[in-house]
Amino acid sequence: MLPFTLLELTIQMKKLFPDKSSGPSGITNRMLHAGDAEFQASGLPNTFLMWESHVQPTDSQLSLMQPIYKGHDKDKTDPAFHRGIYLNDTLAKLFEGLLIARLKTHTEFNNILTLNQLGTKPCTQTHDANYSLLSTIQFNMYTLQKPSYVAFVDYSMAYPSVHRNRLSSILLHNGIVGHTWHHLRARIDTIRLRVLHRDPIVSPQHSSTSNC
């Protein structure tokens, strides 16, 4: 794939929510929005260097996570009773937006996504699955006089256990190669997490997580 264009860069800048924290680099979304055309164009050479070298800034590889205690007299040392709030760097979000836009164009043009991937296809939403499910249940009940058995699975909870090498192979199989593939791997392999918490939290493996 070709390097990112100025049009792609400015479109992704406009999509950034204004009232978000900056992250490690200190650059906020409002700073990117407030800059004129010359300021926004100044980011293109950096994006080009990242694209060609497969190297991302250190700040883009660091995520800050603040555990928020859920309360109700639950065990404060148990991570299951905390909600993790993540802060990623603004420039990392911008670059990821560029990658996602390219992936969206590629998958739509090559018709890679299945009919069941409602949340990631244009003009569809996950609620569409509820309407289809309700229609199926009603048809089974009133026409076929049969019950319906439904299983709801939260696949987002399974993400940490995804086989990364297998995922990379699937990307290659679907024609996602070259610079795009290398940068997607970098977003998996080189991301570092710093947990911001004054009190230690004991993980299920009995390790202590604190500022690191």
N, C-alpha and C. Protein backbone atom coordinates (compact mmCIF):
# COMPACT_ATOMS: atom_id res chain seq x y z
N MET A 1 0.83 -1.20 0.00
CA MET A 1 0.00 0.00 0.00
C MET A 1 0.87 1.26 0.00
N LEU A 2 0.32 2.34 -0.55
CA LEU A 2 1.03 3.60 -0.62
C LEU A 2 1.04 4.30 0.73
N PRO A 3 1.97 5.23 0.94
CA PRO A 3 1.98 5.99 2.20
C PRO A 3 0.68 6.77 2.37
N PHE A 4 0.41 7.18 3.60
CA PHE A 4 -0.80 7.94 3.88
C PHE A 4 -0.73 9.32 3.22
N THR A 5 -1.88 9.81 2.81
CA THR A 5 -1.97 11.12 2.16
C THR A 5 -2.38 12.18 3.17
N LEU A 6 -2.24 13.44 2.80
CA LEU A 6 -2.65 14.54 3.66
C LEU A 6 -4.15 14.50 3.90
N LEU A 7 -4.92 14.11 2.89
CA LEU A 7 -6.38 14.02 3.05
C LEU A 7 -6.73 12.98 4.10
N GLU A 8 -6.09 11.81 4.06
CA GLU A 8 -6.34 10.77 5.07
C GLU A 8 -6.01 11.28 6.46
N LEU A 9 -4.89 12.00 6.57
CA LEU A 9 -4.44 12.50 7.87
C LEU A 9 -5.43 13.51 8.44
N THR A 10 -5.88 14.47 7.62
CA THR A 10 -6.79 15.50 8.11
C THR A 10 -8.16 14.91 8.47
N ILE A 11 -8.61 13.91 7.73
CA ILE A 11 -9.89 13.27 8.04
C ILE A 11 -9.83 12.61 9.41
N GLN A 12 -8.72 11.91 9.70
CA GLN A 12 -8.59 11.24 11.00
C GLN A 12 -8.43 12.25 12.13
N MET A 13 -7.78 13.37 11.88
CA MET A 13 -7.66 14.41 12.90
C MET A 13 -9.03 14.93 13.31
N LYS A 14 -9.90 15.13 12.33
CA LYS A 14 -11.24 15.65 12.60
C LYS A 14 -12.08 14.65 13.41
N LYS A 15 -11.76 13.38 13.30
CA LYS A 15 -12.53 12.36 14.01
C LYS A 15 -12.14 12.23 15.48
N LEU A 16 -11.00 12.81 15.87
CA LEU A 16 -10.56 12.73 17.26
C LEU A 16 -11.49 13.55 18.16
N PHE A 17 -11.92 12.97 19.27
CA PHE A 17 -12.79 13.70 20.20
C PHE A 17 -11.99 14.80 20.88
N PRO A 18 -12.53 16.02 20.96
CA PRO A 18 -11.74 17.16 21.46
C PRO A 18 -11.39 17.09 22.94
N ASP A 19 -12.31 16.65 23.77
CA ASP A 19 -12.10 16.71 25.22
C ASP A 19 -11.55 15.41 25.76
N LYS A 20 -10.39 15.02 25.28
CA LYS A 20 -9.71 13.82 25.74
C LYS A 20 -8.31 14.18 26.23
N SER A 21 -7.83 13.43 27.20
CA SER A 21 -6.49 13.67 27.72
C SER A 21 -5.44 13.34 26.66
N SER A 22 -4.27 13.92 26.82
CA SER A 22 -3.26 13.85 25.77
C SER A 22 -2.49 12.54 25.75
N GLY A 23 -2.19 11.98 26.90
CA GLY A 23 -1.32 10.82 26.94
C GLY A 23 0.13 11.25 27.14
N PRO A 24 1.08 10.32 27.03
CA PRO A 24 2.48 10.60 27.35
C PRO A 24 3.11 11.73 26.54
N SER A 25 2.71 11.95 25.29
CA SER A 25 3.35 12.96 24.44
C SER A 25 2.97 14.38 24.82
N GLY A 26 1.85 14.57 25.51
CA GLY A 26 1.39 15.89 25.88
C GLY A 26 0.64 16.62 24.78
N ILE A 27 0.46 16.00 23.63
CA ILE A 27 -0.27 16.61 22.51
C ILE A 27 -1.75 16.24 22.63
N THR A 28 -2.61 17.25 22.71
CA THR A 28 -4.04 17.01 22.86
C THR A 28 -4.75 17.04 21.51
N ASN A 29 -5.96 16.49 21.49
CA ASN A 29 -6.77 16.53 20.27
C ASN A 29 -7.11 17.96 19.89
N ARG A 30 -7.36 18.81 20.88
CA ARG A 30 -7.69 20.21 20.59
C ARG A 30 -6.52 20.93 19.90
N MET A 31 -5.32 20.58 20.25
CA MET A 31 -4.15 21.17 19.59
C MET A 31 -4.15 20.80 18.11
N LEU A 32 -4.46 19.55 17.80
CA LEU A 32 -4.50 19.12 16.40
C LEU A 32 -5.64 19.79 15.65
N HIS A 33 -6.79 19.97 16.33
CA HIS A 33 -7.94 20.60 15.69
C HIS A 33 -7.70 22.09 15.44
N ALA A 34 -7.00 22.74 16.38
CA ALA A 34 -6.81 24.19 16.29
C ALA A 34 -5.77 24.59 15.26
N GLY A 35 -4.89 23.68 14.88
CA GLY A 35 -3.83 24.01 13.93
C GLY A 35 -4.37 24.29 12.55
N ASP A 36 -3.70 25.17 11.82
CA ASP A 36 -4.12 25.47 10.45
C ASP A 36 -3.65 24.36 9.51
N ALA A 37 -3.89 24.57 8.23
CA ALA A 37 -3.55 23.53 7.24
C ALA A 37 -2.06 23.25 7.22
N GLU A 38 -1.23 24.30 7.41
CA GLU A 38 0.21 24.10 7.41
C GLU A 38 0.66 23.28 8.61
N PHE A 39 0.02 23.56 9.78
CA PHE A 39 0.36 22.80 10.98
C PHE A 39 -0.01 21.33 10.82
N GLN A 40 -1.20 21.07 10.30
CA GLN A 40 -1.63 19.69 10.13
C GLN A 40 -0.77 18.96 9.10
N ALA A 41 -0.35 19.69 8.06
CA ALA A 41 0.49 19.07 7.03
C ALA A 41 1.87 18.73 7.57
N SER A 42 2.30 19.42 8.64
CA SER A 42 3.63 19.16 9.20
C SER A 42 3.73 17.76 9.80
N GLY A 43 2.59 17.15 10.11
CA GLY A 43 2.61 15.80 10.66
C GLY A 43 2.78 14.72 9.62
N LEU A 44 2.63 15.08 8.35
CA LEU A 44 2.71 14.07 7.29
C LEU A 44 4.10 13.47 7.15
N PRO A 45 5.19 14.26 7.19
CA PRO A 45 6.54 13.63 7.10
C PRO A 45 6.80 12.61 8.20
N ASN A 46 6.35 12.92 9.43
CA ASN A 46 6.54 11.96 10.52
C ASN A 46 5.77 10.68 10.27
N THR A 47 4.54 10.84 9.78
CA THR A 47 3.72 9.67 9.45
C THR A 47 4.38 8.85 8.36
N PHE A 48 4.98 9.53 7.38
CA PHE A 48 5.66 8.82 6.29
C PHE A 48 6.85 8.02 6.81
N LEU A 49 7.64 8.63 7.72
CA LEU A 49 8.79 7.94 8.28
C LEU A 49 8.36 6.70 9.07
N MET A 50 7.30 6.84 9.87
CA MET A 50 6.79 5.70 10.62
C MET A 50 6.33 4.61 9.67
N TRP A 51 5.63 4.99 8.63
CA TRP A 51 5.07 4.04 7.66
C TRP A 51 6.19 3.25 6.96
N GLU A 52 7.24 3.94 6.56
CA GLU A 52 8.29 3.29 5.80
C GLU A 52 9.25 2.49 6.68
N SER A 53 9.49 2.95 7.90
CA SER A 53 10.50 2.31 8.76
C SER A 53 9.93 1.22 9.67
N HIS A 54 8.61 1.16 9.77
CA HIS A 54 7.95 0.20 10.67
C HIS A 54 8.30 0.47 12.13
N VAL A 55 8.68 1.68 12.45
CA VAL A 55 9.04 2.07 13.81
C VAL A 55 8.05 3.11 14.31
N GLN A 56 7.50 2.87 15.51
CA GLN A 56 6.56 3.80 16.10
C GLN A 56 7.19 4.46 17.33
N PRO A 57 6.84 5.74 17.60
CA PRO A 57 7.42 6.44 18.75
C PRO A 57 7.18 5.70 20.06
N THR A 58 8.10 5.88 20.99
CA THR A 58 7.99 5.22 22.28
C THR A 58 6.70 5.61 22.99
N ASP A 59 6.34 6.90 22.93
CA ASP A 59 5.12 7.35 23.58
C ASP A 59 3.89 6.66 23.00
N SER A 60 3.93 6.34 21.73
CA SER A 60 2.78 5.67 21.09
C SER A 60 2.64 4.22 21.55
N GLN A 61 3.72 3.68 22.12
CA GLN A 61 3.71 2.29 22.56
C GLN A 61 3.34 2.14 24.03
N LEU A 62 3.10 3.28 24.70
CA LEU A 62 2.82 3.25 26.13
C LEU A 62 1.36 3.59 26.40
N SER A 63 0.69 2.74 27.17
CA SER A 63 -0.68 3.00 27.62
C SER A 63 -0.69 3.11 29.14
N LEU A 64 -1.43 4.08 29.64
CA LEU A 64 -1.59 4.26 31.08
C LEU A 64 -2.94 3.70 31.49
N MET A 65 -2.96 2.93 32.55
CA MET A 65 -4.21 2.32 33.01
C MET A 65 -4.45 2.67 34.47
N GLN A 66 -5.62 3.25 34.74
CA GLN A 66 -6.01 3.60 36.10
C GLN A 66 -7.14 2.68 36.55
N PRO A 67 -6.88 1.77 37.50
CA PRO A 67 -7.96 0.91 38.00
C PRO A 67 -8.92 1.73 38.87
N ILE A 68 -10.20 1.63 38.60
CA ILE A 68 -11.24 2.33 39.37
C ILE A 68 -11.98 1.29 40.21
N TYR A 69 -11.91 1.47 41.51
CA TYR A 69 -12.55 0.52 42.44
C TYR A 69 -14.07 0.61 42.31
N LYS A 70 -14.73 -0.54 42.21
CA LYS A 70 -16.17 -0.58 42.03
C LYS A 70 -16.95 -0.36 43.31
N GLY A 71 -16.29 -0.46 44.46
CA GLY A 71 -16.95 -0.17 45.73
C GLY A 71 -17.79 -1.31 46.26
N HIS A 72 -18.78 -0.97 47.09
CA HIS A 72 -19.72 -1.93 47.69
C HIS A 72 -18.98 -2.94 48.58
N ASP A 73 -17.95 -2.45 49.29
CA ASP A 73 -17.22 -3.28 50.26
C ASP A 73 -16.60 -4.53 49.65
N LYS A 74 -16.25 -4.45 48.38
CA LYS A 74 -15.60 -5.59 47.73
C LYS A 74 -14.11 -5.56 48.03
N ASP A 75 -13.44 -6.67 47.78
CA ASP A 75 -12.02 -6.82 48.07
C ASP A 75 -11.21 -5.90 47.16
N LYS A 76 -10.53 -4.91 47.76
CA LYS A 76 -9.78 -3.94 46.97
C LYS A 76 -8.54 -4.54 46.32
N THR A 77 -8.08 -5.68 46.82
CA THR A 77 -6.89 -6.30 46.25
C THR A 77 -7.20 -7.22 45.08
N ASP A 78 -8.48 -7.42 44.78
CA ASP A 78 -8.90 -8.32 43.70
C ASP A 78 -9.13 -7.49 42.44
N PRO A 79 -8.38 -7.75 41.36
CA PRO A 79 -8.56 -6.96 40.12
C PRO A 79 -9.94 -7.11 39.51
N ALA A 80 -10.67 -8.18 39.85
CA ALA A 80 -12.01 -8.37 39.30
C ALA A 80 -12.98 -7.29 39.78
N PHE A 81 -12.63 -6.62 40.89
CA PHE A 81 -13.51 -5.59 41.45
C PHE A 81 -13.00 -4.19 41.12
N HIS A 82 -12.23 -4.09 40.04
CA HIS A 82 -11.78 -2.80 39.53
C HIS A 82 -12.12 -2.70 38.04
N ARG A 83 -12.40 -1.50 37.60
CA ARG A 83 -12.63 -1.25 36.18
C ARG A 83 -11.44 -0.48 35.63
N GLY A 84 -10.81 -0.99 34.61
CA GLY A 84 -9.62 -0.36 34.06
C GLY A 84 -9.96 0.76 33.10
N ILE A 85 -9.46 1.96 33.34
CA ILE A 85 -9.63 3.09 32.45
C ILE A 85 -8.28 3.34 31.77
N TYR A 86 -8.26 3.23 30.45
CA TYR A 86 -7.00 3.30 29.71
C TYR A 86 -6.83 4.67 29.07
N LEU A 87 -5.59 5.14 29.05
CA LEU A 87 -5.24 6.39 28.38
C LEU A 87 -4.13 6.09 27.39
N ASN A 88 -4.47 6.18 26.11
CA ASN A 88 -3.49 5.99 25.04
C ASN A 88 -3.09 7.35 24.49
N ASP A 89 -1.92 7.42 23.91
CA ASP A 89 -1.43 8.68 23.41
C ASP A 89 -2.23 9.16 22.20
N THR A 90 -2.38 10.48 22.08
CA THR A 90 -3.16 11.07 21.00
C THR A 90 -2.61 10.67 19.63
N LEU A 91 -1.29 10.74 19.46
CA LEU A 91 -0.70 10.41 18.17
C LEU A 91 -0.85 8.93 17.85
N ALA A 92 -0.87 8.09 18.88
CA ALA A 92 -1.10 6.66 18.66
C ALA A 92 -2.52 6.43 18.15
N LYS A 93 -3.49 7.15 18.73
CA LYS A 93 -4.88 7.02 18.28
C LYS A 93 -5.01 7.51 16.83
N LEU A 94 -4.30 8.58 16.51
CA LEU A 94 -4.35 9.12 15.15
C LEU A 94 -3.81 8.10 14.16
N PHE A 95 -2.68 7.49 14.48
CA PHE A 95 -2.08 6.51 13.57
C PHE A 95 -2.94 5.26 13.46
N GLU A 96 -3.52 4.84 14.57
CA GLU A 96 -4.41 3.68 14.54
C GLU A 96 -5.64 3.98 13.68
N GLY A 97 -6.13 5.23 13.76
CA GLY A 97 -7.26 5.61 12.92
C GLY A 97 -6.93 5.50 11.44
N LEU A 98 -5.71 5.88 11.08
CA LEU A 98 -5.28 5.74 9.69
C LEU A 98 -5.24 4.27 9.27
N LEU A 99 -4.71 3.42 10.15
CA LEU A 99 -4.64 1.99 9.85
C LEU A 99 -6.04 1.38 9.71
N ILE A 100 -6.94 1.74 10.63
CA ILE A 100 -8.29 1.19 10.60
C ILE A 100 -9.03 1.62 9.34
N ALA A 101 -8.84 2.88 8.93
CA ALA A 101 -9.49 3.36 7.71
C ALA A 101 -9.01 2.58 6.50
N ARG A 102 -7.71 2.31 6.45
CA ARG A 102 -7.17 1.51 5.34
C ARG A 102 -7.73 0.09 5.38
N LEU A 103 -7.81 -0.50 6.57
CA LEU A 103 -8.36 -1.86 6.70
C LEU A 103 -9.82 -1.90 6.27
N LYS A 104 -10.58 -0.88 6.65
CA LYS A 104 -12.00 -0.83 6.28
C LYS A 104 -12.16 -0.80 4.77
N THR A 105 -11.36 0.04 4.10
CA THR A 105 -11.43 0.12 2.64
C THR A 105 -11.05 -1.21 2.01
N HIS A 106 -10.00 -1.84 2.54
CA HIS A 106 -9.53 -3.11 1.99
C HIS A 106 -10.58 -4.21 2.15
N THR A 107 -11.17 -4.32 3.34
CA THR A 107 -12.14 -5.39 3.59
C THR A 107 -13.42 -5.18 2.79
N GLU A 108 -13.84 -3.93 2.62
CA GLU A 108 -15.05 -3.66 1.83
C GLU A 108 -14.81 -3.94 0.35
N PHE A 109 -13.68 -3.50 -0.16
CA PHE A 109 -13.38 -3.67 -1.59
C PHE A 109 -13.24 -5.14 -1.95
N ASN A 110 -12.63 -5.93 -1.06
CA ASN A 110 -12.40 -7.35 -1.34
C ASN A 110 -13.49 -8.25 -0.76
N ASN A 111 -14.50 -7.64 -0.12
CA ASN A 111 -15.64 -8.40 0.42
C ASN A 111 -15.17 -9.52 1.35
N ILE A 112 -14.31 -9.16 2.31
CA ILE A 112 -13.73 -10.15 3.22
C ILE A 112 -14.66 -10.46 4.38
N LEU A 113 -15.36 -9.46 4.90
CA LEU A 113 -16.19 -9.65 6.09
C LEU A 113 -17.40 -10.52 5.77
N THR A 114 -17.81 -11.32 6.74
CA THR A 114 -18.97 -12.18 6.56
C THR A 114 -20.25 -11.42 6.88
N LEU A 115 -21.38 -12.02 6.58
CA LEU A 115 -22.67 -11.38 6.83
C LEU A 115 -22.93 -11.20 8.32
N ASN A 116 -22.25 -11.97 9.16
CA ASN A 116 -22.48 -11.91 10.60
C ASN A 116 -21.67 -10.82 11.30
N GLN A 117 -20.74 -10.19 10.59
CA GLN A 117 -19.93 -9.13 11.20
C GLN A 117 -20.64 -7.79 11.05
N LEU A 118 -21.71 -7.64 11.82
CA LEU A 118 -22.58 -6.48 11.65
C LEU A 118 -21.98 -5.20 12.19
N GLY A 119 -21.21 -5.29 13.24
CA GLY A 119 -20.70 -4.08 13.88
C GLY A 119 -19.59 -3.39 13.11
N THR A 120 -19.00 -4.06 12.12
CA THR A 120 -17.85 -3.49 11.41
C THR A 120 -18.13 -3.26 9.94
N LYS A 121 -19.35 -3.49 9.48
CA LYS A 121 -19.69 -3.27 8.08
C LYS A 121 -20.48 -1.98 7.94
N PRO A 122 -20.34 -1.27 6.83
CA PRO A 122 -21.08 -0.01 6.65
C PRO A 122 -22.59 -0.23 6.60
N CYS A 123 -23.33 0.73 7.13
CA CYS A 123 -24.80 0.71 7.14
C CYS A 123 -25.35 -0.44 7.97
N THR A 124 -24.56 -0.97 8.90
CA THR A 124 -25.04 -2.02 9.80
C THR A 124 -24.64 -1.66 11.23
N GLN A 125 -25.32 -2.27 12.17
CA GLN A 125 -24.98 -2.09 13.58
C GLN A 125 -25.30 -3.39 14.32
N THR A 126 -24.72 -3.54 15.50
CA THR A 126 -24.91 -4.78 16.25
C THR A 126 -26.38 -4.99 16.64
N HIS A 127 -27.15 -3.89 16.73
CA HIS A 127 -28.56 -4.04 17.07
C HIS A 127 -29.33 -4.82 15.99
N ASP A 128 -28.80 -4.82 14.76
CA ASP A 128 -29.47 -5.56 13.69
C ASP A 128 -29.57 -7.04 14.04
N ALA A 129 -28.59 -7.55 14.77
CA ALA A 129 -28.63 -8.96 15.17
C ALA A 129 -29.81 -9.22 16.10
N ASN A 130 -30.14 -8.25 16.96
CA ASN A 130 -31.27 -8.42 17.87
C ASN A 130 -32.58 -8.53 17.11
N TYR A 131 -32.72 -7.71 16.07
CA TYR A 131 -33.96 -7.77 15.27
C TYR A 131 -34.10 -9.12 14.57
N SER A 132 -32.99 -9.60 14.01
CA SER A 132 -33.02 -10.91 13.34
C SER A 132 -33.32 -12.02 14.33
N LEU A 133 -32.72 -11.94 15.51
CA LEU A 133 -32.95 -12.95 16.53
C LEU A 133 -34.40 -12.95 16.99
N LEU A 134 -34.97 -11.76 17.20
CA LEU A 134 -36.35 -11.66 17.63
C LEU A 134 -37.29 -12.24 16.58
N SER A 135 -37.02 -11.96 15.31
CA SER A 135 -37.86 -12.49 14.23
C SER A 135 -37.79 -14.01 14.18
N THR A 136 -36.58 -14.55 14.39
CA THR A 136 -36.40 -16.01 14.37
C THR A 136 -37.15 -16.66 15.52
N ILE A 137 -37.07 -16.06 16.70
CA ILE A 137 -37.76 -16.60 17.87
C ILE A 137 -39.27 -16.58 17.66
N GLN A 138 -39.78 -15.47 17.14
CA GLN A 138 -41.22 -15.36 16.90
C GLN A 138 -41.69 -16.36 15.84
N PHE A 139 -40.89 -16.56 14.79
CA PHE A 139 -41.24 -17.52 13.75
C PHE A 139 -41.28 -18.93 14.31
N ASN A 140 -40.25 -19.27 15.12
CA ASN A 140 -40.21 -20.61 15.72
C ASN A 140 -41.38 -20.83 16.67
N MET A 141 -41.75 -19.78 17.41
CA MET A 141 -42.80 -19.92 18.41
C MET A 141 -44.20 -20.00 17.80
N TYR A 142 -44.50 -19.08 16.90
CA TYR A 142 -45.88 -18.98 16.41
C TYR A 142 -46.15 -19.80 15.14
N THR A 143 -45.11 -20.04 14.35
CA THR A 143 -45.32 -20.79 13.10
C THR A 143 -44.93 -22.25 13.25
N LEU A 144 -43.75 -22.50 13.81
CA LEU A 144 -43.28 -23.87 13.93
C LEU A 144 -43.65 -24.51 15.26
N GLN A 145 -44.11 -23.68 16.22
CA GLN A 145 -44.47 -24.18 17.54
C GLN A 145 -43.28 -24.88 18.20
N LYS A 146 -42.11 -24.28 18.04
CA LYS A 146 -40.89 -24.84 18.60
C LYS A 146 -40.15 -23.79 19.43
N PRO A 147 -39.42 -24.24 20.45
CA PRO A 147 -38.65 -23.27 21.25
C PRO A 147 -37.37 -22.86 20.53
N SER A 148 -36.77 -21.80 21.01
CA SER A 148 -35.48 -21.34 20.48
C SER A 148 -34.46 -21.34 21.61
N TYR A 149 -33.26 -21.79 21.31
CA TYR A 149 -32.19 -21.81 22.28
C TYR A 149 -31.09 -20.85 21.81
N VAL A 150 -30.74 -19.92 22.67
CA VAL A 150 -29.81 -18.85 22.29
C VAL A 150 -28.65 -18.82 23.28
N ALA A 151 -27.44 -18.65 22.77
CA ALA A 151 -26.25 -18.48 23.60
C ALA A 151 -25.61 -17.14 23.27
N PHE A 152 -25.40 -16.32 24.29
CA PHE A 152 -24.77 -15.02 24.12
C PHE A 152 -23.32 -15.10 24.59
N VAL A 153 -22.40 -14.76 23.72
CA VAL A 153 -20.97 -14.85 24.02
C VAL A 153 -20.35 -13.47 23.87
N ASP A 154 -19.62 -13.02 24.89
CA ASP A 154 -18.93 -11.73 24.84
C ASP A 154 -17.52 -11.98 24.32
N TYR A 155 -17.33 -11.81 23.02
CA TYR A 155 -16.04 -12.10 22.41
C TYR A 155 -14.97 -11.09 22.82
N SER A 156 -15.38 -9.90 23.26
CA SER A 156 -14.39 -8.91 23.68
C SER A 156 -13.62 -9.40 24.90
N MET A 157 -14.24 -10.25 25.72
CA MET A 157 -13.55 -10.79 26.89
C MET A 157 -12.51 -11.83 26.50
N ALA A 158 -12.63 -12.36 25.29
CA ALA A 158 -11.69 -13.40 24.84
C ALA A 158 -10.47 -12.82 24.16
N TYR A 159 -10.47 -11.49 23.92
CA TYR A 159 -9.38 -10.90 23.14
C TYR A 159 -8.00 -11.15 23.74
N PRO A 160 -7.80 -11.02 25.06
CA PRO A 160 -6.45 -11.24 25.59
C PRO A 160 -5.90 -12.64 25.33
N SER A 161 -6.77 -13.60 25.04
CA SER A 161 -6.31 -14.96 24.81
C SER A 161 -6.22 -15.31 23.33
N VAL A 162 -6.39 -14.31 22.44
CA VAL A 162 -6.29 -14.57 21.01
C VAL A 162 -4.87 -14.97 20.65
N HIS A 163 -4.72 -15.96 19.79
CA HIS A 163 -3.41 -16.41 19.34
C HIS A 163 -2.88 -15.38 18.35
N ARG A 164 -1.88 -14.58 18.78
CA ARG A 164 -1.42 -13.46 17.96
C ARG A 164 -0.81 -13.91 16.63
N ASN A 165 -0.03 -14.97 16.65
CA ASN A 165 0.58 -15.44 15.40
C ASN A 165 -0.48 -15.95 14.43
N ARG A 166 -1.50 -16.61 14.97
CA ARG A 166 -2.59 -17.09 14.11
C ARG A 166 -3.33 -15.90 13.51
N LEU A 167 -3.55 -14.86 14.31
CA LEU A 167 -4.21 -13.67 13.81
C LEU A 167 -3.40 -13.02 12.69
N SER A 168 -2.09 -12.99 12.86
CA SER A 168 -1.22 -12.42 11.83
C SER A 168 -1.31 -13.24 10.55
N SER A 169 -1.40 -14.56 10.68
CA SER A 169 -1.52 -15.42 9.50
C SER A 169 -2.82 -15.17 8.76
N ILE A 170 -3.89 -14.93 9.51
CA ILE A 170 -5.19 -14.64 8.89
C ILE A 170 -5.13 -13.33 8.11
N LEU A 171 -4.44 -12.34 8.67
CA LEU A 171 -4.28 -11.06 7.97
C LEU A 171 -3.55 -11.27 6.65
N LEU A 172 -2.47 -12.04 6.68
CA LEU A 172 -1.72 -12.31 5.46
C LEU A 172 -2.57 -13.05 4.44
N HIS A 173 -3.35 -14.01 4.91
CA HIS A 173 -4.20 -14.80 4.02
C HIS A 173 -5.23 -13.93 3.31
N ASN A 174 -5.64 -12.83 3.95
CA ASN A 174 -6.64 -11.95 3.37
C ASN A 174 -6.02 -10.74 2.67
N GLY A 175 -4.76 -10.83 2.34
CA GLY A 175 -4.13 -9.80 1.53
C GLY A 175 -3.68 -8.57 2.27
N ILE A 176 -3.66 -8.63 3.59
CA ILE A 176 -3.18 -7.50 4.39
C ILE A 176 -1.70 -7.74 4.65
N VAL A 177 -0.86 -7.12 3.84
CA VAL A 177 0.57 -7.41 3.84
C VAL A 177 1.37 -6.11 3.91
N GLY A 178 2.69 -6.26 3.83
CA GLY A 178 3.56 -5.10 3.74
C GLY A 178 3.55 -4.22 4.97
N HIS A 179 3.55 -2.89 4.74
CA HIS A 179 3.63 -1.93 5.83
C HIS A 179 2.45 -2.08 6.79
N THR A 180 1.26 -2.27 6.25
CA THR A 180 0.07 -2.39 7.11
C THR A 180 0.22 -3.55 8.07
N TRP A 181 0.65 -4.70 7.55
CA TRP A 181 0.81 -5.89 8.40
C TRP A 181 1.85 -5.65 9.49
N HIS A 182 2.97 -5.05 9.14
CA HIS A 182 4.03 -4.81 10.12
C HIS A 182 3.57 -3.87 11.23
N HIS A 183 2.82 -2.83 10.87
CA HIS A 183 2.37 -1.88 11.90
C HIS A 183 1.28 -2.49 12.78
N LEU A 184 0.44 -3.34 12.22
CA LEU A 184 -0.55 -4.04 13.05
C LEU A 184 0.15 -4.96 14.04
N ARG A 185 1.19 -5.63 13.60
CA ARG A 185 1.97 -6.47 14.51
C ARG A 185 2.62 -5.63 15.61
N ALA A 186 3.09 -4.44 15.22
CA ALA A 186 3.73 -3.57 16.21
C ALA A 186 2.74 -3.13 17.28
N ARG A 187 1.48 -2.92 16.90
CA ARG A 187 0.47 -2.53 17.88
C ARG A 187 0.17 -3.66 18.84
N ILE A 188 0.57 -4.87 18.50
CA ILE A 188 0.37 -6.03 19.37
C ILE A 188 1.63 -6.33 20.19
N ASP A 189 2.79 -6.28 19.51
CA ASP A 189 4.03 -6.76 20.13
C ASP A 189 4.72 -5.75 21.02
N THR A 190 4.61 -4.46 20.70
CA THR A 190 5.46 -3.48 21.38
C THR A 190 4.70 -2.59 22.36
N ILE A 191 3.42 -2.83 22.56
CA ILE A 191 2.64 -2.00 23.48
C ILE A 191 3.06 -2.29 24.92
N ARG A 192 3.30 -1.23 25.70
CA ARG A 192 3.64 -1.36 27.10
C ARG A 192 2.54 -0.72 27.94
N LEU A 193 2.29 -1.26 29.11
CA LEU A 193 1.22 -0.79 29.98
C LEU A 193 1.78 -0.38 31.33
N ARG A 194 1.41 0.80 31.78
CA ARG A 194 1.79 1.25 33.11
C ARG A 194 0.51 1.41 33.93
N VAL A 195 0.45 0.69 35.03
CA VAL A 195 -0.71 0.72 35.91
C VAL A 195 -0.50 1.79 36.98
N LEU A 196 -1.42 2.74 37.06
CA LEU A 196 -1.35 3.82 38.03
C LEU A 196 -2.26 3.49 39.21
N HIS A 197 -1.65 3.05 40.33
CA HIS A 197 -2.46 2.65 41.48
C HIS A 197 -1.62 2.75 42.73
N ARG A 198 -2.17 3.38 43.75
CA ARG A 198 -1.41 3.56 44.99
C ARG A 198 -1.34 2.29 45.81
N ASP A 199 -2.40 1.48 45.77
CA ASP A 199 -2.43 0.26 46.57
C ASP A 199 -2.20 -0.95 45.67
N PRO A 200 -1.48 -1.96 46.14
CA PRO A 200 -1.24 -3.15 45.32
C PRO A 200 -2.53 -3.91 45.04
N ILE A 201 -2.59 -4.47 43.83
CA ILE A 201 -3.72 -5.31 43.44
C ILE A 201 -3.17 -6.69 43.16
N VAL A 202 -3.75 -7.69 43.78
CA VAL A 202 -3.27 -9.06 43.62
C VAL A 202 -4.01 -9.70 42.45
N SER A 203 -3.25 -10.15 41.46
CA SER A 203 -3.85 -10.79 40.31
C SER A 203 -4.19 -12.24 40.65
N PRO A 204 -4.97 -12.90 39.78
CA PRO A 204 -5.29 -14.33 40.02
C PRO A 204 -4.04 -15.21 40.14
N GLN A 205 -2.90 -14.74 39.57
CA GLN A 205 -1.67 -15.52 39.67
C GLN A 205 -0.87 -15.12 40.92
N HIS A 206 -1.50 -14.32 41.81
CA HIS A 206 -0.89 -13.92 43.06
C HIS A 206 0.30 -12.99 42.87
N SER A 207 0.35 -12.26 41.76
CA SER A 207 1.39 -11.27 41.59
C SER A 207 0.83 -9.92 41.97
N SER A 208 1.70 -9.01 42.36
CA SER A 208 1.28 -7.68 42.79
C SER A 208 1.48 -6.69 41.67
N THR A 209 0.45 -5.93 41.34
CA THR A 209 0.51 -4.93 40.29
C THR A 209 0.42 -3.55 40.91
N SER A 210 1.41 -2.72 40.66
CA SER A 210 1.39 -1.35 41.16
C SER A 210 2.07 -0.48 40.11
N ASN A 211 2.49 0.72 40.52
CA ASN A 211 3.19 1.59 39.59
C ASN A 211 4.44 0.88 39.06
N CYS A 212 4.60 0.87 37.76
CA CYS A 212 5.75 0.20 37.17
C CYS A 212 6.20 0.94 35.93
